[in-house]
Amino acid sequence: MHSATCTTVAVRRKTVQTLDKPDCILDYNRKMGGVDKSDQLLEPYDATRKCMAWYKKLAIHLLQQALLNAQIMYVKADTAKTVISRLYQCSCRRTAKRQA
């Protein structure tokens, strides 16, 4: 639970100013970046329609979220380079066995 305290922070607008922000807002901004980013990435591909039943909307949203998470993990794992390096190692081993 947050207390009713405020922290002075620098805010960039036309000029740099200092404002008092509640600690709960600062905590939210620190910890919710991933959720906001995920919502931004899914927004152009929103497949739900107003006429669908709620459970269909939920199922589509969960599927889209799973696909986005898989794509993020694929990019972070850098799988393409890993597969290529494994193939290269295997071809080097085969070549070494043939020459031996």
Foldseek 3Di string as FASTA:
>chain_A
DFDQAWDWDWDDDVHTDIDTDGPVVVVCVVPCPVVVVLCVVCVVVQPDDPPDDPVVSVVVVVVVSVVVVVVVVCVVVVVVVVVVVVVVVVVVVVVVVVVD
